[in-house]
Amino acid sequence: MKILSTIQSKSHTLNELMVVFGGVMLLFAASQIEIPLQPVPITLQTVAVMLIGLTYTPRHALQSLLIWLGLAAAGLPVLSGFAGGFAYFGGPTLGYLVGFVISVYLMATFKQRFSLNSWTSDVMLCLMGTAILFSLGVAWLSRLIGLENAITHGVLPFILPGIVKAGLLCTALQIIRHYKRG
């Protein structure tokens, strides 16, 4: 019995590692799809963050984001435009990167704690996550370029794409859930 328990435990650990690794790879891939605006590009990173927040446990979501950012800080080119390195964290996107971590954790926590699985709850969680991203992103960006410019360049260009991305993501998740239920 002890051998079976050990095998099951190792299998569970391997599954958890694969989930986290999948999140890191999703973030990396989504980071490379971008519209190069200045000072902050439009990427699919937010879609990856929202997907992880809506489908992962809080622990796995947080682990995925922290490992991805740790790889970036170590110099691996995992951020948008294949960027990486510790110096990148002093740039205009730092607030958004911090916002990713907080958003994904809170989204996953609320989703799990309140068993939220409807399209409306997914959209509300995405709106909450986006509000956190924008708040922290603009707070940091305003230190670099002023509040008015931070809103003009760090929020306004992202509103419509954000709505479209969140709507498509939440709709796709509902379709997948519908087919999984049979």
C-alpha atoms as a PDB file:
ATOM      1  CA  MET A   1       0.000   0.000   0.000  1.00  0.00           C
ATOM      2  CA  LYS A   2       2.848   2.387   0.768  1.00  0.00           C
ATOM      3  CA  ILE A   3       4.284   1.918  -2.737  1.00  0.00           C
ATOM      4  CA  LEU A   4       0.909   2.686  -4.327  1.00  0.00           C
ATOM      5  CA  SER A   5       0.555   5.781  -2.166  1.00  0.00           C
ATOM      6  CA  THR A   6       4.052   6.952  -3.167  1.00  0.00           C
ATOM      7  CA  ILE A   7       3.313   6.391  -6.868  1.00  0.00           C
ATOM      8  CA  GLN A   8       0.033   8.296  -6.609  1.00  0.00           C
ATOM      9  CA  SER A   9       1.770  11.128  -4.750  1.00  0.00           C
ATOM     10  CA  LYS A  10       4.505  11.405  -7.389  1.00  0.00           C
ATOM     11  CA  SER A  11       1.926  11.266 -10.169  1.00  0.00           C
ATOM     12  CA  HIS A  12      -0.038  14.076  -8.506  1.00  0.00           C
ATOM     13  CA  THR A  13       3.141  16.157  -8.130  1.00  0.00           C
ATOM     14  CA  LEU A  14       4.037  15.605 -11.779  1.00  0.00           C
ATOM     15  CA  ASN A  15       0.529  16.676 -12.829  1.00  0.00           C
ATOM     16  CA  GLU A  16       0.847  19.851 -10.752  1.00  0.00           C
ATOM     17  CA  LEU A  17       4.241  20.621 -12.300  1.00  0.00           C
ATOM     18  CA  MET A  18       2.797  20.157 -15.779  1.00  0.00           C
ATOM     19  CA  VAL A  19      -0.087  22.518 -15.010  1.00  0.00           C
ATOM     20  CA  VAL A  20       2.300  25.216 -13.786  1.00  0.00           C
ATOM     21  CA  PHE A  21       4.671  24.635 -16.716  1.00  0.00           C
ATOM     22  CA  GLY A  22       1.694  24.931 -19.062  1.00  0.00           C
ATOM     23  CA  GLY A  23       0.839  28.291 -17.521  1.00  0.00           C
ATOM     24  CA  VAL A  24       4.405  29.524 -17.955  1.00  0.00           C
ATOM     25  CA  MET A  25       4.448  28.401 -21.595  1.00  0.00           C
ATOM     26  CA  LEU A  26       1.061  30.018 -22.226  1.00  0.00           C
ATOM     27  CA  LEU A  27       2.347  33.309 -20.794  1.00  0.00           C
ATOM     28  CA  PHE A  28       5.495  33.096 -22.903  1.00  0.00           C
ATOM     29  CA  ALA A  29       3.594  32.390 -26.123  1.00  0.00           C
ATOM     30  CA  ALA A  30       0.957  35.063 -25.452  1.00  0.00           C
ATOM     31  CA  SER A  31       3.709  37.592 -24.752  1.00  0.00           C
ATOM     32  CA  GLN A  32       5.075  37.242 -28.257  1.00  0.00           C
ATOM     33  CA  ILE A  33       1.810  38.146 -29.991  1.00  0.00           C
ATOM     34  CA  GLU A  34       1.832  41.919 -29.870  1.00  0.00           C
ATOM     35  CA  ILE A  35       0.951  45.212 -31.448  1.00  0.00           C
ATOM     36  CA  PRO A  36       4.033  47.323 -30.702  1.00  0.00           C
ATOM     37  CA  LEU A  37       2.637  50.518 -29.156  1.00  0.00           C
ATOM     38  CA  GLN A  38       4.751  52.812 -27.004  1.00  0.00           C
ATOM     39  CA  PRO A  39       5.330  52.895 -24.103  1.00  0.00           C
ATOM     40  CA  VAL A  40       3.280  49.700 -23.498  1.00  0.00           C
ATOM     41  CA  PRO A  41       2.520  47.186 -26.292  1.00  0.00           C
ATOM     42  CA  ILE A  42      -0.829  45.450 -26.722  1.00  0.00           C
ATOM     43  CA  THR A  43      -0.209  41.724 -26.260  1.00  0.00           C
ATOM     44  CA  LEU A  44      -2.165  38.583 -25.539  1.00  0.00           C
ATOM     45  CA  GLN A  45      -0.550  38.444 -22.082  1.00  0.00           C
ATOM     46  CA  THR A  46      -3.785  39.663 -20.538  1.00  0.00           C
ATOM     47  CA  VAL A  47      -5.693  36.822 -22.219  1.00  0.00           C
ATOM     48  CA  ALA A  48      -3.218  34.333 -20.759  1.00  0.00           C
ATOM     49  CA  VAL A  49      -3.498  35.942 -17.322  1.00  0.00           C
ATOM     50  CA  MET A  50      -7.294  35.893 -17.460  1.00  0.00           C
ATOM     51  CA  LEU A  51      -7.370  32.277 -18.706  1.00  0.00           C
ATOM     52  CA  ILE A  52      -5.078  31.186 -15.892  1.00  0.00           C
ATOM     53  CA  GLY A  53      -7.105  33.176 -13.366  1.00  0.00           C
ATOM     54  CA  LEU A  54     -10.329  31.548 -14.546  1.00  0.00           C
ATOM     55  CA  THR A  55      -9.075  27.964 -14.760  1.00  0.00           C
ATOM     56  CA  TYR A  56      -6.214  27.444 -12.277  1.00  0.00           C
ATOM     57  CA  THR A  57      -6.206  27.055  -8.536  1.00  0.00           C
ATOM     58  CA  PRO A  58      -4.890  30.146  -6.737  1.00  0.00           C
ATOM     59  CA  ARG A  59      -1.653  28.332  -5.881  1.00  0.00           C
ATOM     60  CA  HIS A  60      -0.988  27.117  -9.418  1.00  0.00           C
ATOM     61  CA  ALA A  61      -1.927  30.494 -10.887  1.00  0.00           C
ATOM     62  CA  LEU A  62       0.469  32.313  -8.593  1.00  0.00           C
ATOM     63  CA  GLN A  63       3.244  29.783  -9.212  1.00  0.00           C
ATOM     64  CA  SER A  64       2.880  30.126 -12.983  1.00  0.00           C
ATOM     65  CA  LEU A  65       3.125  33.920 -12.888  1.00  0.00           C
ATOM     66  CA  LEU A  66       5.992  34.020 -10.419  1.00  0.00           C
ATOM     67  CA  ILE A  67       8.036  31.441 -12.326  1.00  0.00           C
ATOM     68  CA  TRP A  68       7.419  33.302 -15.603  1.00  0.00           C
ATOM     69  CA  LEU A  69       8.532  36.580 -14.035  1.00  0.00           C
ATOM     70  CA  GLY A  70      11.470  34.843 -12.347  1.00  0.00           C
ATOM     71  CA  LEU A  71      12.615  33.502 -15.710  1.00  0.00           C
ATOM     72  CA  ALA A  72      12.308  37.020 -17.140  1.00  0.00           C
ATOM     73  CA  ALA A  73      14.304  38.509 -14.258  1.00  0.00           C
ATOM     74  CA  ALA A  74      16.987  35.857 -14.789  1.00  0.00           C
ATOM     75  CA  GLY A  75      17.375  37.110 -18.351  1.00  0.00           C
ATOM     76  CA  LEU A  76      15.392  34.577 -20.333  1.00  0.00           C
ATOM     77  CA  PRO A  77      13.497  36.228 -23.208  1.00  0.00           C
ATOM     78  CA  VAL A  78       9.971  35.363 -22.060  1.00  0.00           C
ATOM     79  CA  LEU A  79       8.393  38.828 -22.029  1.00  0.00           C
ATOM     80  CA  SER A  80       6.905  40.665 -25.007  1.00  0.00           C
ATOM     81  CA  GLY A  81       9.271  41.086 -27.903  1.00  0.00           C
ATOM     82  CA  PHE A  82      11.423  38.279 -26.465  1.00  0.00           C
ATOM     83  CA  ALA A  83      12.593  40.658 -23.744  1.00  0.00           C
ATOM     84  CA  GLY A  84      14.026  39.645 -20.413  1.00  0.00           C
ATOM     85  CA  GLY A  85      16.506  40.706 -17.801  1.00  0.00           C
ATOM     86  CA  PHE A  86      16.262  42.371 -14.441  1.00  0.00           C
ATOM     87  CA  ALA A  87      16.629  45.863 -15.962  1.00  0.00           C
ATOM     88  CA  TYR A  88      13.304  45.327 -17.758  1.00  0.00           C
ATOM     89  CA  PHE A  89      11.536  45.517 -14.403  1.00  0.00           C
ATOM     90  CA  GLY A  90      12.322  49.212 -14.052  1.00  0.00           C
ATOM     91  CA  GLY A  91      10.607  50.035 -17.343  1.00  0.00           C
ATOM     92  CA  PRO A  92       7.095  51.224 -18.160  1.00  0.00           C
ATOM     93  CA  THR A  93       5.449  47.789 -17.879  1.00  0.00           C
ATOM     94  CA  LEU A  94       6.414  46.999 -14.268  1.00  0.00           C
ATOM     95  CA  GLY A  95       3.028  48.029 -12.863  1.00  0.00           C
ATOM     96  CA  TYR A  96       1.260  45.785 -15.337  1.00  0.00           C
ATOM     97  CA  LEU A  97       3.533  42.840 -14.500  1.00  0.00           C
ATOM     98  CA  VAL A  98       2.790  43.267 -10.792  1.00  0.00           C
ATOM     99  CA  GLY A  99      -0.875  43.640 -11.704  1.00  0.00           C
ATOM    100  CA  PHE A 100      -0.752  40.311 -13.537  1.00  0.00           C
ATOM    101  CA  VAL A 101       0.348  38.542 -10.366  1.00  0.00           C
ATOM    102  CA  ILE A 102      -2.275  40.147  -8.141  1.00  0.00           C
ATOM    103  CA  SER A 103      -5.053  39.806 -10.739  1.00  0.00           C
ATOM    104  CA  VAL A 104      -4.444  36.124 -11.444  1.00  0.00           C
ATOM    105  CA  TYR A 105      -4.307  35.243  -7.769  1.00  0.00           C
ATOM    106  CA  LEU A 106      -7.467  37.160  -6.835  1.00  0.00           C
ATOM    107  CA  MET A 107      -9.390  35.888  -9.852  1.00  0.00           C
ATOM    108  CA  ALA A 108      -8.489  32.274  -9.074  1.00  0.00           C
ATOM    109  CA  THR A 109      -9.247  32.763  -5.386  1.00  0.00           C
ATOM    110  CA  PHE A 110     -12.711  34.269  -5.969  1.00  0.00           C
ATOM    111  CA  LYS A 111     -13.490  31.689  -8.650  1.00  0.00           C
ATOM    112  CA  GLN A 112     -12.594  28.828  -6.294  1.00  0.00           C
ATOM    113  CA  ARG A 113     -14.036  30.243  -3.079  1.00  0.00           C
ATOM    114  CA  PHE A 114     -17.422  31.116  -4.552  1.00  0.00           C
ATOM    115  CA  SER A 115     -17.641  28.295  -7.170  1.00  0.00           C
ATOM    116  CA  LEU A 116     -18.176  30.783  -9.984  1.00  0.00           C
ATOM    117  CA  ASN A 117     -18.724  29.119 -13.368  1.00  0.00           C
ATOM    118  CA  SER A 118     -21.157  31.258 -15.344  1.00  0.00           C
ATOM    119  CA  TRP A 119     -20.349  33.495 -18.291  1.00  0.00           C
ATOM    120  CA  THR A 120     -21.386  36.521 -16.221  1.00  0.00           C
ATOM    121  CA  SER A 121     -19.143  35.599 -13.298  1.00  0.00           C
ATOM    122  CA  ASP A 122     -16.238  34.997 -15.685  1.00  0.00           C
ATOM    123  CA  VAL A 123     -16.765  38.424 -17.258  1.00  0.00           C
ATOM    124  CA  MET A 124     -16.980  40.047 -13.816  1.00  0.00           C
ATOM    125  CA  LEU A 125     -13.758  38.342 -12.746  1.00  0.00           C
ATOM    126  CA  CYS A 126     -12.068  39.523 -15.959  1.00  0.00           C
ATOM    127  CA  LEU A 127     -13.288  43.073 -15.288  1.00  0.00           C
ATOM    128  CA  MET A 128     -11.936  42.887 -11.747  1.00  0.00           C
ATOM    129  CA  GLY A 129      -8.603  41.570 -13.007  1.00  0.00           C
ATOM    130  CA  THR A 130      -8.444  44.240 -15.689  1.00  0.00           C
ATOM    131  CA  ALA A 131      -9.226  47.002 -13.185  1.00  0.00           C
ATOM    132  CA  ILE A 132      -6.354  45.786 -11.011  1.00  0.00           C
ATOM    133  CA  LEU A 133      -4.024  45.672 -14.025  1.00  0.00           C
ATOM    134  CA  PHE A 134      -4.955  49.167 -15.148  1.00  0.00           C
ATOM    135  CA  SER A 135      -4.727  50.599 -11.644  1.00  0.00           C
ATOM    136  CA  LEU A 136      -1.255  49.253 -10.954  1.00  0.00           C
ATOM    137  CA  GLY A 137      -0.082  49.819 -14.516  1.00  0.00           C
ATOM    138  CA  VAL A 138      -1.142  53.468 -14.525  1.00  0.00           C
ATOM    139  CA  ALA A 139       0.185  54.042 -11.008  1.00  0.00           C
ATOM    140  CA  TRP A 140       3.661  52.932 -12.087  1.00  0.00           C
ATOM    141  CA  LEU A 141       3.537  54.463 -15.552  1.00  0.00           C
ATOM    142  CA  SER A 142       2.440  57.834 -14.154  1.00  0.00           C
ATOM    143  CA  ARG A 143       5.671  57.969 -12.162  1.00  0.00           C
ATOM    144  CA  LEU A 144       7.542  57.785 -15.471  1.00  0.00           C
ATOM    145  CA  ILE A 145       5.403  59.893 -17.836  1.00  0.00           C
ATOM    146  CA  GLY A 146       2.776  61.666 -15.704  1.00  0.00           C
ATOM    147  CA  LEU A 147      -0.808  60.682 -14.913  1.00  0.00           C
ATOM    148  CA  GLU A 148      -2.474  62.156 -18.001  1.00  0.00           C
ATOM    149  CA  ASN A 149       0.009  60.484 -20.363  1.00  0.00           C
ATOM    150  CA  ALA A 150      -0.230  57.239 -18.402  1.00  0.00           C
ATOM    151  CA  ILE A 151      -3.998  57.161 -18.897  1.00  0.00           C
ATOM    152  CA  THR A 152      -3.711  58.222 -22.543  1.00  0.00           C
ATOM    153  CA  HIS A 153      -1.032  55.655 -23.416  1.00  0.00           C
ATOM    154  CA  GLY A 154      -1.496  53.004 -20.721  1.00  0.00           C
ATOM    155  CA  VAL A 155      -5.286  52.594 -20.519  1.00  0.00           C
ATOM    156  CA  LEU A 156      -7.231  54.104 -23.394  1.00  0.00           C
ATOM    157  CA  PRO A 157      -5.668  52.019 -26.199  1.00  0.00           C
ATOM    158  CA  PHE A 158      -6.356  48.866 -24.179  1.00  0.00           C
ATOM    159  CA  ILE A 159     -10.042  49.317 -23.327  1.00  0.00           C
ATOM    160  CA  LEU A 160     -11.644  48.100 -26.562  1.00  0.00           C
ATOM    161  CA  PRO A 161      -9.124  45.273 -27.167  1.00  0.00           C
ATOM    162  CA  GLY A 162      -9.549  44.247 -23.517  1.00  0.00           C
ATOM    163  CA  ILE A 163     -13.333  44.045 -23.825  1.00  0.00           C
ATOM    164  CA  VAL A 164     -13.081  41.986 -27.012  1.00  0.00           C
ATOM    165  CA  LYS A 165     -10.441  39.638 -25.553  1.00  0.00           C
ATOM    166  CA  ALA A 166     -12.391  39.115 -22.309  1.00  0.00           C
ATOM    167  CA  GLY A 167     -15.665  38.512 -24.146  1.00  0.00           C
ATOM    168  CA  LEU A 168     -14.115  35.989 -26.519  1.00  0.00           C
ATOM    169  CA  LEU A 169     -12.275  34.220 -23.695  1.00  0.00           C
ATOM    170  CA  CYS A 170     -15.355  33.941 -21.478  1.00  0.00           C
ATOM    171  CA  THR A 171     -17.497  32.755 -24.384  1.00  0.00           C
ATOM    172  CA  ALA A 172     -14.916  30.128 -25.365  1.00  0.00           C
ATOM    173  CA  LEU A 173     -14.705  28.888 -21.771  1.00  0.00           C
ATOM    174  CA  GLN A 174     -18.489  28.541 -21.571  1.00  0.00           C
ATOM    175  CA  ILE A 175     -18.573  26.586 -24.823  1.00  0.00           C
ATOM    176  CA  ILE A 176     -15.848  24.259 -23.543  1.00  0.00           C
ATOM    177  CA  ARG A 177     -17.661  23.794 -20.207  1.00  0.00           C
ATOM    178  CA  HIS A 178     -20.902  23.043 -22.036  1.00  0.00           C
ATOM    179  CA  TYR A 179     -19.297  20.322 -24.143  1.00  0.00           C
ATOM    180  CA  LYS A 180     -17.429  18.853 -21.168  1.00  0.00           C
ATOM    181  CA  ARG A 181     -20.731  18.442 -19.302  1.00  0.00           C
ATOM    182  CA  GLY A 182     -22.156  16.583 -22.270  1.00  0.00           C
END
